[in-house]
Amino acid sequence: MSNDIHTDPARRHDFVLLFDVENGNPNGDPDAGNLPRIDPETMHGIITDVCLKRKVRDYLQITKNIPIFIQSETALNTLISRAARDVGAEFPQIVIAEDIDDDVVQWFSENDPFEVNNNSLLYYGDSFKQKNIEKHFDEVVDAVLKAKLKPYAKQLSDSVKKKTLNETDREKTKQHLIKERFDIRMFGAVLSTGLNAGQVRGPVQFTFAKSVDPIFRLDNAITRKAITKESDKRIKDTEMARKPTVPYALYQAHGFYNPYFALKPKFKKEEPDEMNTWFQKMILAIYGRPWNGCSTTTLLPLVVKWQQGGCMYLLTTVREVTHHHINFSNEFLFPK
């Protein structure tokens, strides 16, 4: 591990991330036709904190093959229940008959906290009592389907001796997820959406990124050679579409690393060393392409302020920072 002060996991780190966007859309607003987000009062561009975290997660998952909790491949409740099973928690599970009705299988497949796996039906809710399992059927409108589902509540409840998960099971599940999923260790997570495994406060947090100056949003019209419908091929050769962009903007975000939130569980010593690299890479596109027009210049850590045993530093991708005539004083970088 490097001895550089900005990778020391025992210190608090306050940092500023500066990156520029040229002819790109760093964070589209779904309520405004996917135009780049702005503060309507000042017209400054903004990028949400969850967008910045998404770039970190995507980069690590796709290029480093690091397991991530907040992703789209598997439902979060499923990940939590799998972690509980991995640590030895017992869940209700029964074998379903081959002649089971298709609508019953479909309902169990589409609704949490049930899971259909081959010829097995699994329930991973908090309480395994029959009446609590039956509560999940209350919103079923079809009376016939509800009558078909109810017998399975008793079968599931009878399949286990212990009718609820104890605190030891929940704590083991949480610790297993923390160890397994990098973004939980870094950013924290709510683990009570299905099986209640509590919540984790992560040591790393971001603020919204905000452009230094007001931005001008372009909504470019483009043509597409591909035709969507077969019937349209007889009347047109191209189709129209929109591509929102920012001609140019310099964005500034703040980030924080709190070592006290990294002690339980212990933040792996090698990770803060790599953390600097991951911050450098998070605005690069997946598979190495630029992220929607952002600069791909290597980030350089620059310690700009010391305070109470911690360090504050600047991470920047701006190719010609001096061109913007920015006063890099402590007041600019770290306003009180």
C-alpha atoms as a PDB file:
ATOM      1  CA  MET A   1       0.000   0.000   0.000  1.00  0.00           C
ATOM      2  CA  SER A   2       1.141   3.507  -0.793  1.00  0.00           C
ATOM      3  CA  ASN A   3       2.207   5.762   2.079  1.00  0.00           C
ATOM      4  CA  ASP A   4       0.638   8.814   0.390  1.00  0.00           C
ATOM      5  CA  ILE A   5      -1.430  10.839   2.810  1.00  0.00           C
ATOM      6  CA  HIS A   6      -4.450  10.908   0.503  1.00  0.00           C
ATOM      7  CA  THR A   7      -4.767   7.097   0.626  1.00  0.00           C
ATOM      8  CA  ASP A   8      -4.446   6.707   4.400  1.00  0.00           C
ATOM      9  CA  PRO A   9      -7.677   4.956   5.574  1.00  0.00           C
ATOM     10  CA  ALA A  10      -7.141   6.077   9.191  1.00  0.00           C
ATOM     11  CA  ARG A  11      -7.621   9.771   8.321  1.00  0.00           C
ATOM     12  CA  ARG A  12     -10.684  11.765   7.452  1.00  0.00           C
ATOM     13  CA  HIS A  13     -10.672  12.909   3.815  1.00  0.00           C
ATOM     14  CA  ASP A  14     -12.559  15.903   2.415  1.00  0.00           C
ATOM     15  CA  PHE A  15     -12.035  16.262  -1.310  1.00  0.00           C
ATOM     16  CA  VAL A  16     -13.271  18.233  -4.289  1.00  0.00           C
ATOM     17  CA  LEU A  17     -13.849  16.595  -7.645  1.00  0.00           C
ATOM     18  CA  LEU A  18     -13.644  18.887 -10.681  1.00  0.00           C
ATOM     19  CA  PHE A  19     -14.503  17.535 -14.126  1.00  0.00           C
ATOM     20  CA  ASP A  20     -15.581  19.113 -17.374  1.00  0.00           C
ATOM     21  CA  VAL A  21     -18.198  18.036 -19.905  1.00  0.00           C
ATOM     22  CA  GLU A  22     -18.038  18.891 -23.586  1.00  0.00           C
ATOM     23  CA  ASN A  23     -20.962  18.069 -25.897  1.00  0.00           C
ATOM     24  CA  GLY A  24     -22.290  15.488 -23.466  1.00  0.00           C
ATOM     25  CA  ASN A  25     -25.143  14.850 -21.055  1.00  0.00           C
ATOM     26  CA  PRO A  26     -23.699  13.890 -17.658  1.00  0.00           C
ATOM     27  CA  ASN A  27     -27.064  13.470 -15.902  1.00  0.00           C
ATOM     28  CA  GLY A  28     -30.380  13.684 -17.750  1.00  0.00           C
ATOM     29  CA  ASP A  29     -33.558  14.865 -16.019  1.00  0.00           C
ATOM     30  CA  PRO A  30     -36.469  12.442 -16.684  1.00  0.00           C
ATOM     31  CA  ASP A  31     -38.954  15.200 -15.823  1.00  0.00           C
ATOM     32  CA  ALA A  32     -37.518  17.451 -18.543  1.00  0.00           C
ATOM     33  CA  GLY A  33     -37.215  15.148 -21.552  1.00  0.00           C
ATOM     34  CA  ASN A  34     -33.792  13.898 -20.400  1.00  0.00           C
ATOM     35  CA  LEU A  35     -32.248  17.366 -20.746  1.00  0.00           C
ATOM     36  CA  PRO A  36     -29.187  17.934 -18.523  1.00  0.00           C
ATOM     37  CA  ARG A  37     -30.253  18.717 -14.966  1.00  0.00           C
ATOM     38  CA  ILE A  38     -30.209  22.361 -13.862  1.00  0.00           C
ATOM     39  CA  ASP A  39     -31.006  24.455 -10.835  1.00  0.00           C
ATOM     40  CA  PRO A  40     -33.961  26.458 -12.247  1.00  0.00           C
ATOM     41  CA  GLU A  41     -33.183  29.403  -9.979  1.00  0.00           C
ATOM     42  CA  THR A  42     -29.560  29.914 -11.048  1.00  0.00           C
ATOM     43  CA  MET A  43     -29.411  27.866 -14.294  1.00  0.00           C
ATOM     44  CA  HIS A  44     -26.307  26.099 -13.004  1.00  0.00           C
ATOM     45  CA  GLY A  45     -25.998  22.491 -14.070  1.00  0.00           C
ATOM     46  CA  ILE A  46     -26.321  19.807 -11.402  1.00  0.00           C
ATOM     47  CA  ILE A  47     -25.459  16.115 -11.199  1.00  0.00           C
ATOM     48  CA  THR A  48     -26.991  14.083  -8.387  1.00  0.00           C
ATOM     49  CA  ASP A  49     -24.917  12.250  -5.818  1.00  0.00           C
ATOM     50  CA  VAL A  50     -26.525   8.939  -6.773  1.00  0.00           C
ATOM     51  CA  CYS A  51     -25.463   9.526 -10.391  1.00  0.00           C
ATOM     52  CA  LEU A  52     -21.843   9.897  -9.286  1.00  0.00           C
ATOM     53  CA  LYS A  53     -22.108   6.738  -7.181  1.00  0.00           C
ATOM     54  CA  ARG A  54     -23.659   4.923 -10.131  1.00  0.00           C
ATOM     55  CA  LYS A  55     -20.543   5.638 -12.195  1.00  0.00           C
ATOM     56  CA  VAL A  56     -18.369   4.162  -9.452  1.00  0.00           C
ATOM     57  CA  ARG A  57     -20.576   1.069  -9.154  1.00  0.00           C
ATOM     58  CA  ASP A  58     -20.795   0.464 -12.911  1.00  0.00           C
ATOM     59  CA  TYR A  59     -17.078   0.840 -13.405  1.00  0.00           C
ATOM     60  CA  LEU A  60     -16.203  -1.584 -10.618  1.00  0.00           C
ATOM     61  CA  GLN A  61     -18.834  -4.142 -11.572  1.00  0.00           C
ATOM     62  CA  ILE A  62     -18.144  -4.239 -15.292  1.00  0.00           C
ATOM     63  CA  THR A  63     -14.410  -3.627 -15.534  1.00  0.00           C
ATOM     64  CA  LYS A  64     -13.228  -5.107 -12.219  1.00  0.00           C
ATOM     65  CA  ASN A  65     -15.931  -7.779 -11.738  1.00  0.00           C
ATOM     66  CA  ILE A  66     -16.505  -6.600  -8.168  1.00  0.00           C
ATOM     67  CA  PRO A  67     -19.877  -7.650  -6.636  1.00  0.00           C
ATOM     68  CA  ILE A  68     -22.248  -4.681  -6.265  1.00  0.00           C
ATOM     69  CA  PHE A  69     -25.454  -4.517  -4.214  1.00  0.00           C
ATOM     70  CA  ILE A  70     -27.316  -1.700  -6.019  1.00  0.00           C
ATOM     71  CA  GLN A  71     -27.660  -3.153  -9.527  1.00  0.00           C
ATOM     72  CA  SER A  72     -30.375  -4.230 -11.957  1.00  0.00           C
ATOM     73  CA  GLU A  73     -29.571  -7.897 -12.522  1.00  0.00           C
ATOM     74  CA  THR A  74     -31.012  -9.279  -9.260  1.00  0.00           C
ATOM     75  CA  ALA A  75     -33.705  -7.931  -6.932  1.00  0.00           C
ATOM     76  CA  LEU A  76     -32.322  -6.518  -3.686  1.00  0.00           C
ATOM     77  CA  ASN A  77     -34.586  -8.683  -1.516  1.00  0.00           C
ATOM     78  CA  THR A  78     -33.275 -11.736  -3.322  1.00  0.00           C
ATOM     79  CA  LEU A  79     -29.680 -10.727  -2.588  1.00  0.00           C
ATOM     80  CA  ILE A  80     -30.524 -10.232   1.089  1.00  0.00           C
ATOM     81  CA  SER A  81     -32.286 -13.597   1.345  1.00  0.00           C
ATOM     82  CA  ARG A  82     -29.422 -15.360  -0.410  1.00  0.00           C
ATOM     83  CA  ALA A  83     -26.993 -13.823   2.079  1.00  0.00           C
ATOM     84  CA  ALA A  84     -29.175 -15.064   4.937  1.00  0.00           C
ATOM     85  CA  ARG A  85     -29.176 -18.571   3.486  1.00  0.00           C
ATOM     86  CA  ASP A  86     -25.393 -18.406   3.022  1.00  0.00           C
ATOM     87  CA  VAL A  87     -24.918 -17.799   6.750  1.00  0.00           C
ATOM     88  CA  GLY A  88     -27.191 -20.695   7.681  1.00  0.00           C
ATOM     89  CA  ALA A  89     -30.575 -19.045   8.233  1.00  0.00           C
ATOM     90  CA  GLU A  90     -33.457 -21.458   7.639  1.00  0.00           C
ATOM     91  CA  PHE A  91     -36.329 -20.348   5.411  1.00  0.00           C
ATOM     92  CA  PRO A  92     -39.644 -22.020   4.594  1.00  0.00           C
ATOM     93  CA  GLN A  93     -39.283 -24.097   1.446  1.00  0.00           C
ATOM     94  CA  ILE A  94     -41.577 -26.670  -0.133  1.00  0.00           C
ATOM     95  CA  VAL A  95     -41.651 -28.780  -3.283  1.00  0.00           C
ATOM     96  CA  ILE A  96     -44.446 -27.757  -5.628  1.00  0.00           C
ATOM     97  CA  ALA A  97     -46.367 -30.287  -7.681  1.00  0.00           C
ATOM     98  CA  GLU A  98     -45.765 -30.577 -11.412  1.00  0.00           C
ATOM     99  CA  ASP A  99     -49.460 -29.963 -12.134  1.00  0.00           C
ATOM    100  CA  ILE A 100     -49.569 -26.639 -10.259  1.00  0.00           C
ATOM    101  CA  ASP A 101     -51.594 -23.988 -12.080  1.00  0.00           C
ATOM    102  CA  ASP A 102     -49.600 -21.569 -14.218  1.00  0.00           C
ATOM    103  CA  ASP A 103     -51.258 -18.501 -12.669  1.00  0.00           C
ATOM    104  CA  VAL A 104     -50.116 -19.617  -9.201  1.00  0.00           C
ATOM    105  CA  VAL A 105     -46.520 -20.100 -10.361  1.00  0.00           C
ATOM    106  CA  GLN A 106     -46.599 -16.721 -12.103  1.00  0.00           C
ATOM    107  CA  TRP A 107     -47.893 -14.926  -8.987  1.00  0.00           C
ATOM    108  CA  PHE A 108     -45.237 -16.428  -6.720  1.00  0.00           C
ATOM    109  CA  SER A 109     -42.537 -15.652  -9.309  1.00  0.00           C
ATOM    110  CA  GLU A 110     -43.506 -11.981  -9.585  1.00  0.00           C
ATOM    111  CA  ASN A 111     -44.147 -11.119  -5.941  1.00  0.00           C
ATOM    112  CA  ASP A 112     -41.759 -10.703  -3.033  1.00  0.00           C
ATOM    113  CA  PRO A 113     -40.936 -12.273  -0.634  1.00  0.00           C
ATOM    114  CA  PHE A 114     -41.534 -15.474  -2.615  1.00  0.00           C
ATOM    115  CA  GLU A 115     -39.181 -17.178  -5.010  1.00  0.00           C
ATOM    116  CA  VAL A 116     -39.777 -20.070  -7.413  1.00  0.00           C
ATOM    117  CA  ASN A 117     -36.685 -22.103  -8.239  1.00  0.00           C
ATOM    118  CA  ASN A 118     -37.270 -25.094 -10.510  1.00  0.00           C
ATOM    119  CA  ASN A 119     -39.802 -27.180  -8.556  1.00  0.00           C
ATOM    120  CA  SER A 120     -39.295 -25.428  -5.200  1.00  0.00           C
ATOM    121  CA  LEU A 121     -41.186 -22.543  -3.597  1.00  0.00           C
ATOM    122  CA  LEU A 122     -39.231 -20.414  -1.107  1.00  0.00           C
ATOM    123  CA  TYR A 123     -40.493 -17.776   1.304  1.00  0.00           C
ATOM    124  CA  TYR A 124     -37.987 -15.275   2.727  1.00  0.00           C
ATOM    125  CA  GLY A 125     -40.105 -12.878   4.744  1.00  0.00           C
ATOM    126  CA  ASP A 126     -39.443 -11.854   8.339  1.00  0.00           C
ATOM    127  CA  SER A 127     -42.047 -13.997  10.082  1.00  0.00           C
ATOM    128  CA  PHE A 128     -42.811 -17.586   9.090  1.00  0.00           C
ATOM    129  CA  LYS A 129     -46.179 -17.819  10.842  1.00  0.00           C
ATOM    130  CA  GLN A 130     -49.087 -18.836   8.607  1.00  0.00           C
ATOM    131  CA  LYS A 131     -51.132 -15.690   9.283  1.00  0.00           C
ATOM    132  CA  ASN A 132     -48.193 -13.452   8.370  1.00  0.00           C
ATOM    133  CA  ILE A 133     -47.528 -15.338   5.140  1.00  0.00           C
ATOM    134  CA  GLU A 134     -51.237 -15.065   4.234  1.00  0.00           C
ATOM    135  CA  LYS A 135     -51.076 -11.263   4.610  1.00  0.00           C
ATOM    136  CA  HIS A 136     -49.122 -11.146   1.342  1.00  0.00           C
ATOM    137  CA  PHE A 137     -52.238 -12.446  -0.446  1.00  0.00           C
ATOM    138  CA  ASP A 138     -54.501  -9.620   0.796  1.00  0.00           C
ATOM    139  CA  GLU A 139     -53.971  -7.475  -2.294  1.00  0.00           C
ATOM    140  CA  VAL A 140     -54.865 -10.255  -4.728  1.00  0.00           C
ATOM    141  CA  VAL A 141     -58.073  -9.101  -6.432  1.00  0.00           C
ATOM    142  CA  ASP A 142     -58.950 -12.380  -8.135  1.00  0.00           C
ATOM    143  CA  ALA A 143     -60.853 -14.417  -5.519  1.00  0.00           C
ATOM    144  CA  VAL A 144     -60.201 -17.692  -7.331  1.00  0.00           C
ATOM    145  CA  LEU A 145     -56.463 -17.076  -7.437  1.00  0.00           C
ATOM    146  CA  LYS A 146     -56.417 -16.045  -3.768  1.00  0.00           C
ATOM    147  CA  ALA A 147     -58.135 -19.309  -2.825  1.00  0.00           C
ATOM    148  CA  LYS A 148     -55.440 -21.224  -4.727  1.00  0.00           C
ATOM    149  CA  LEU A 149     -52.626 -19.362  -2.935  1.00  0.00           C
ATOM    150  CA  LYS A 150     -53.812 -19.713   0.675  1.00  0.00           C
ATOM    151  CA  PRO A 151     -53.016 -23.444   1.140  1.00  0.00           C
ATOM    152  CA  TYR A 152     -49.361 -22.724   0.401  1.00  0.00           C
ATOM    153  CA  ALA A 153     -49.124 -20.415   3.429  1.00  0.00           C
ATOM    154  CA  LYS A 154     -49.743 -23.332   5.795  1.00  0.00           C
ATOM    155  CA  GLN A 155     -47.364 -25.615   3.894  1.00  0.00           C
ATOM    156  CA  LEU A 156     -44.584 -23.030   4.021  1.00  0.00           C
ATOM    157  CA  SER A 157     -45.125 -22.310   7.715  1.00  0.00           C
ATOM    158  CA  ASP A 158     -45.108 -26.022   8.598  1.00  0.00           C
ATOM    159  CA  SER A 159     -41.836 -26.586   6.688  1.00  0.00           C
ATOM    160  CA  VAL A 160     -39.726 -24.903   9.418  1.00  0.00           C
ATOM    161  CA  LYS A 161     -39.597 -25.254  13.181  1.00  0.00           C
ATOM    162  CA  LYS A 162     -38.370 -21.734  13.954  1.00  0.00           C
ATOM    163  CA  LYS A 163     -41.067 -19.202  13.018  1.00  0.00           C
ATOM    164  CA  THR A 164     -38.900 -16.102  12.762  1.00  0.00           C
ATOM    165  CA  LEU A 165     -35.301 -15.013  12.224  1.00  0.00           C
ATOM    166  CA  ASN A 166     -33.507 -14.026  15.412  1.00  0.00           C
ATOM    167  CA  GLU A 167     -31.129 -11.095  15.896  1.00  0.00           C
ATOM    168  CA  THR A 168     -28.115 -13.332  15.406  1.00  0.00           C
ATOM    169  CA  ASP A 169     -29.397 -14.360  11.952  1.00  0.00           C
ATOM    170  CA  ARG A 170     -29.972 -10.724  11.001  1.00  0.00           C
ATOM    171  CA  GLU A 171     -26.555  -9.570  12.191  1.00  0.00           C
ATOM    172  CA  LYS A 172     -24.788 -12.429  10.394  1.00  0.00           C
ATOM    173  CA  THR A 173     -26.711 -11.569   7.226  1.00  0.00           C
ATOM    174  CA  LYS A 174     -25.697  -7.904   7.440  1.00  0.00           C
ATOM    175  CA  GLN A 175     -22.044  -8.712   8.060  1.00  0.00           C
ATOM    176  CA  HIS A 176     -22.028 -11.177   5.151  1.00  0.00           C
ATOM    177  CA  LEU A 177     -23.465  -8.542   2.788  1.00  0.00           C
ATOM    178  CA  ILE A 178     -20.933  -5.968   3.991  1.00  0.00           C
ATOM    179  CA  LYS A 179     -18.104  -8.376   3.306  1.00  0.00           C
ATOM    180  CA  GLU A 180     -19.505  -9.492  -0.064  1.00  0.00           C
ATOM    181  CA  ARG A 181     -20.731  -6.220  -1.627  1.00  0.00           C
ATOM    182  CA  PHE A 182     -18.233  -3.407  -2.116  1.00  0.00           C
ATOM    183  CA  ASP A 183     -20.735  -0.561  -2.472  1.00  0.00           C
ATOM    184  CA  ILE A 184     -22.277  -1.419   0.904  1.00  0.00           C
ATOM    185  CA  ARG A 185     -18.846  -1.080   2.511  1.00  0.00           C
ATOM    186  CA  MET A 186     -18.227   2.222   0.705  1.00  0.00           C
ATOM    187  CA  PHE A 187     -21.614   3.961   0.582  1.00  0.00           C
ATOM    188  CA  GLY A 188     -23.777   2.021   3.045  1.00  0.00           C
ATOM    189  CA  ALA A 189     -27.215   0.575   2.295  1.00  0.00           C
ATOM    190  CA  VAL A 190     -30.713  -0.034   3.634  1.00  0.00           C
ATOM    191  CA  LEU A 191     -31.070  -3.799   4.138  1.00  0.00           C
ATOM    192  CA  SER A 192     -34.614  -3.883   5.523  1.00  0.00           C
ATOM    193  CA  THR A 193     -36.674  -3.853   2.309  1.00  0.00           C
ATOM    194  CA  GLY A 194     -37.556  -7.538   2.675  1.00  0.00           C
ATOM    195  CA  LEU A 195     -35.875  -9.618   5.315  1.00  0.00           C
ATOM    196  CA  ASN A 196     -34.881  -6.997   7.890  1.00  0.00           C
ATOM    197  CA  ALA A 197     -31.078  -7.036   8.129  1.00  0.00           C
ATOM    198  CA  GLY A 198     -30.887  -3.434   9.359  1.00  0.00           C
ATOM    199  CA  GLN A 199     -28.885  -0.685   7.672  1.00  0.00           C
ATOM    200  CA  VAL A 200     -25.250   0.227   7.120  1.00  0.00           C
ATOM    201  CA  ARG A 201     -23.728   3.715   7.183  1.00  0.00           C
ATOM    202  CA  GLY A 202     -20.885   3.875   4.692  1.00  0.00           C
ATOM    203  CA  PRO A 203     -17.699   5.924   5.113  1.00  0.00           C
ATOM    204  CA  VAL A 204     -17.832   7.607   1.673  1.00  0.00           C
ATOM    205  CA  GLN A 205     -20.440  10.160   0.601  1.00  0.00           C
ATOM    206  CA  PHE A 206     -20.791  12.653  -2.259  1.00  0.00           C
ATOM    207  CA  THR A 207     -22.654  15.926  -2.628  1.00  0.00           C
ATOM    208  CA  PHE A 208     -24.440  16.988  -5.807  1.00  0.00           C
ATOM    209  CA  ALA A 209     -22.032  18.215  -8.464  1.00  0.00           C
ATOM    210  CA  LYS A 210     -22.764  21.774  -9.611  1.00  0.00           C
ATOM    211  CA  SER A 211     -21.409  23.658 -12.584  1.00  0.00           C
ATOM    212  CA  VAL A 212     -19.160  26.630 -11.820  1.00  0.00           C
ATOM    213  CA  ASP A 213     -21.092  28.777 -14.310  1.00  0.00           C
ATOM    214  CA  PRO A 214     -24.668  28.658 -15.641  1.00  0.00           C
ATOM    215  CA  ILE A 215     -25.062  26.185 -18.504  1.00  0.00           C
ATOM    216  CA  PHE A 216     -26.911  26.285 -21.801  1.00  0.00           C
ATOM    217  CA  ARG A 217     -28.810  23.098 -22.628  1.00  0.00           C
ATOM    218  CA  LEU A 218     -29.079  22.001 -26.255  1.00  0.00           C
ATOM    219  CA  ASP A 219     -31.789  19.656 -27.500  1.00  0.00           C
ATOM    220  CA  ASN A 220     -30.299  18.447 -30.770  1.00  0.00           C
ATOM    221  CA  ALA A 221     -32.439  16.893 -33.468  1.00  0.00           C
ATOM    222  CA  ILE A 222     -30.852  13.823 -35.062  1.00  0.00           C
ATOM    223  CA  THR A 223     -31.896  11.375 -37.767  1.00  0.00           C
ATOM    224  CA  ARG A 224     -31.700   7.616 -37.466  1.00  0.00           C
ATOM    225  CA  LYS A 225     -31.236   5.309 -40.424  1.00  0.00           C
ATOM    226  CA  ALA A 226     -32.970   2.359 -38.737  1.00  0.00           C
ATOM    227  CA  ILE A 227     -36.775   2.171 -39.039  1.00  0.00           C
ATOM    228  CA  THR A 228     -38.783   0.961 -36.045  1.00  0.00           C
ATOM    229  CA  LYS A 229     -41.875  -0.493 -37.771  1.00  0.00           C
ATOM    230  CA  GLU A 230     -41.918  -2.658 -40.883  1.00  0.00           C
ATOM    231  CA  SER A 231     -44.960  -0.756 -42.186  1.00  0.00           C
ATOM    232  CA  ASP A 232     -43.027   2.540 -42.055  1.00  0.00           C
ATOM    233  CA  LYS A 233     -40.346   1.341 -44.486  1.00  0.00           C
ATOM    234  CA  ARG A 234     -42.656   2.068 -47.405  1.00  0.00           C
ATOM    235  CA  ILE A 235     -43.085   5.747 -46.511  1.00  0.00           C
ATOM    236  CA  LYS A 236     -39.748   6.884 -45.050  1.00  0.00           C
ATOM    237  CA  ASP A 237     -36.059   6.099 -45.015  1.00  0.00           C
ATOM    238  CA  THR A 238     -35.092   7.700 -41.694  1.00  0.00           C
ATOM    239  CA  GLU A 239     -36.593   8.553 -38.309  1.00  0.00           C
ATOM    240  CA  MET A 240     -36.136  11.583 -36.082  1.00  0.00           C
ATOM    241  CA  ALA A 241     -34.833  11.580 -32.517  1.00  0.00           C
ATOM    242  CA  ARG A 242     -33.511  14.000 -29.888  1.00  0.00           C
ATOM    243  CA  LYS A 243     -30.076  14.146 -28.242  1.00  0.00           C
ATOM    244  CA  PRO A 244     -29.719  16.573 -25.294  1.00  0.00           C
ATOM    245  CA  THR A 245     -26.231  17.927 -24.595  1.00  0.00           C
ATOM    246  CA  VAL A 246     -24.258  20.594 -22.752  1.00  0.00           C
ATOM    247  CA  PRO A 247     -21.833  22.433 -25.103  1.00  0.00           C
ATOM    248  CA  TYR A 248     -19.372  22.868 -22.234  1.00  0.00           C
ATOM    249  CA  ALA A 249     -19.493  22.954 -18.440  1.00  0.00           C
ATOM    250  CA  LEU A 250     -17.074  22.640 -15.549  1.00  0.00           C
ATOM    251  CA  TYR A 251     -18.619  20.743 -12.610  1.00  0.00           C
ATOM    252  CA  GLN A 252     -17.568  20.735  -8.971  1.00  0.00           C
ATOM    253  CA  ALA A 253     -18.564  18.075  -6.400  1.00  0.00           C
ATOM    254  CA  HIS A 254     -17.505  17.481  -2.814  1.00  0.00           C
ATOM    255  CA  GLY A 255     -16.793  14.109  -1.250  1.00  0.00           C
ATOM    256  CA  PHE A 256     -16.135  12.862   2.250  1.00  0.00           C
ATOM    257  CA  TYR A 257     -14.500   9.802   3.778  1.00  0.00           C
ATOM    258  CA  ASN A 258     -15.149   9.213   7.488  1.00  0.00           C
ATOM    259  CA  PRO A 259     -12.769   6.634   9.006  1.00  0.00           C
ATOM    260  CA  TYR A 260     -15.047   6.086  12.014  1.00  0.00           C
ATOM    261  CA  PHE A 261     -17.737   4.579   9.802  1.00  0.00           C
ATOM    262  CA  ALA A 262     -15.101   2.301   8.301  1.00  0.00           C
ATOM    263  CA  LEU A 263     -14.090   0.647  11.557  1.00  0.00           C
ATOM    264  CA  LYS A 264     -17.137  -1.627  11.966  1.00  0.00           C
ATOM    265  CA  PRO A 265     -16.635  -3.672   9.935  1.00  0.00           C
ATOM    266  CA  LYS A 266     -12.970  -2.811   9.431  1.00  0.00           C
ATOM    267  CA  PHE A 267     -12.401  -1.095   6.118  1.00  0.00           C
ATOM    268  CA  LYS A 268     -10.020  -3.311   4.176  1.00  0.00           C
ATOM    269  CA  LYS A 269      -6.623  -1.663   4.215  1.00  0.00           C
ATOM    270  CA  GLU A 270      -5.972  -2.257   0.530  1.00  0.00           C
ATOM    271  CA  GLU A 271      -9.223  -0.645  -0.571  1.00  0.00           C
ATOM    272  CA  PRO A 272      -8.494   3.028   0.263  1.00  0.00           C
ATOM    273  CA  ASP A 273      -5.313   2.639  -1.789  1.00  0.00           C
ATOM    274  CA  GLU A 274      -7.423   1.510  -4.738  1.00  0.00           C
ATOM    275  CA  MET A 275     -10.124   4.014  -3.782  1.00  0.00           C
ATOM    276  CA  ASN A 276      -8.004   6.830  -5.197  1.00  0.00           C
ATOM    277  CA  THR A 277      -7.792   4.976  -8.504  1.00  0.00           C
ATOM    278  CA  TRP A 278     -11.535   4.336  -8.516  1.00  0.00           C
ATOM    279  CA  PHE A 279     -12.256   8.026  -7.955  1.00  0.00           C
ATOM    280  CA  GLN A 280      -9.972   8.737 -10.906  1.00  0.00           C
ATOM    281  CA  LYS A 281     -11.837   6.288 -13.105  1.00  0.00           C
ATOM    282  CA  MET A 282     -15.420   6.931 -12.117  1.00  0.00           C
ATOM    283  CA  ILE A 283     -16.069   9.531 -14.801  1.00  0.00           C
ATOM    284  CA  LEU A 284     -14.655   7.373 -17.543  1.00  0.00           C
ATOM    285  CA  ALA A 285     -17.127   5.454 -19.636  1.00  0.00           C
ATOM    286  CA  ILE A 286     -17.707   1.776 -19.231  1.00  0.00           C
ATOM    287  CA  TYR A 287     -15.223  -0.152 -21.394  1.00  0.00           C
ATOM    288  CA  GLY A 288     -12.892   2.845 -21.456  1.00  0.00           C
ATOM    289  CA  ARG A 289     -14.936   5.331 -23.511  1.00  0.00           C
ATOM    290  CA  PRO A 290     -15.524   8.936 -22.300  1.00  0.00           C
ATOM    291  CA  TRP A 291     -18.577   9.297 -20.063  1.00  0.00           C
ATOM    292  CA  ASN A 292     -20.939  11.508 -22.067  1.00  0.00           C
ATOM    293  CA  GLY A 293     -18.346  14.060 -23.029  1.00  0.00           C
ATOM    294  CA  CYS A 294     -16.425  14.219 -19.743  1.00  0.00           C
ATOM    295  CA  SER A 295     -12.722  14.794 -19.865  1.00  0.00           C
ATOM    296  CA  THR A 296     -10.606  11.647 -19.668  1.00  0.00           C
ATOM    297  CA  THR A 297      -7.477  13.326 -18.354  1.00  0.00           C
ATOM    298  CA  THR A 298      -5.914  11.457 -15.417  1.00  0.00           C
ATOM    299  CA  LEU A 299      -6.978  12.760 -12.032  1.00  0.00           C
ATOM    300  CA  LEU A 300      -4.204  14.212  -9.907  1.00  0.00           C
ATOM    301  CA  PRO A 301      -4.631  14.424  -6.121  1.00  0.00           C
ATOM    302  CA  LEU A 302      -3.473  17.753  -4.705  1.00  0.00           C
ATOM    303  CA  VAL A 303      -3.474  18.309  -0.953  1.00  0.00           C
ATOM    304  CA  VAL A 304      -4.822  21.810  -0.406  1.00  0.00           C
ATOM    305  CA  LYS A 305      -5.620  21.973   3.296  1.00  0.00           C
ATOM    306  CA  TRP A 306      -4.826  20.213   6.559  1.00  0.00           C
ATOM    307  CA  GLN A 307      -7.116  20.172   9.552  1.00  0.00           C
ATOM    308  CA  GLN A 308      -7.288  18.115  12.768  1.00  0.00           C
ATOM    309  CA  GLY A 309      -5.283  15.148  11.550  1.00  0.00           C
ATOM    310  CA  GLY A 310      -7.176  14.805   8.269  1.00  0.00           C
ATOM    311  CA  CYS A 311      -6.476  15.992   4.772  1.00  0.00           C
ATOM    312  CA  MET A 312      -8.380  17.846   2.098  1.00  0.00           C
ATOM    313  CA  TYR A 313      -7.434  17.549  -1.537  1.00  0.00           C
ATOM    314  CA  LEU A 314      -8.504  18.291  -5.069  1.00  0.00           C
ATOM    315  CA  LEU A 315      -9.162  15.730  -7.768  1.00  0.00           C
ATOM    316  CA  THR A 316      -9.462  17.223 -11.217  1.00  0.00           C
ATOM    317  CA  THR A 317      -9.854  16.059 -14.800  1.00  0.00           C
ATOM    318  CA  VAL A 318      -9.897  19.536 -16.271  1.00  0.00           C
ATOM    319  CA  ARG A 319      -7.405  19.749 -19.131  1.00  0.00           C
ATOM    320  CA  GLU A 320      -6.692  23.473 -18.782  1.00  0.00           C
ATOM    321  CA  VAL A 321      -7.875  24.600 -15.376  1.00  0.00           C
ATOM    322  CA  THR A 322      -6.110  27.952 -15.696  1.00  0.00           C
ATOM    323  CA  HIS A 323      -8.268  28.742 -18.718  1.00  0.00           C
ATOM    324  CA  HIS A 324     -11.239  29.156 -16.368  1.00  0.00           C
ATOM    325  CA  HIS A 325      -9.453  31.690 -14.128  1.00  0.00           C
ATOM    326  CA  ILE A 326     -10.730  29.938 -11.001  1.00  0.00           C
ATOM    327  CA  ASN A 327      -9.440  31.076  -7.652  1.00  0.00           C
ATOM    328  CA  PHE A 328      -8.442  27.803  -5.998  1.00  0.00           C
ATOM    329  CA  SER A 329      -8.515  29.192  -2.474  1.00  0.00           C
ATOM    330  CA  ASN A 330      -9.649  27.171   0.506  1.00  0.00           C
ATOM    331  CA  GLU A 331     -12.813  29.281   0.584  1.00  0.00           C
ATOM    332  CA  PHE A 332     -13.668  28.269  -2.986  1.00  0.00           C
ATOM    333  CA  LEU A 333     -12.908  24.596  -2.562  1.00  0.00           C
ATOM    334  CA  PHE A 334     -14.240  24.163   0.948  1.00  0.00           C
ATOM    335  CA  PRO A 335     -16.809  26.872   1.702  1.00  0.00           C
ATOM    336  CA  LYS A 336     -17.827  27.162   5.339  1.00  0.00           C
END
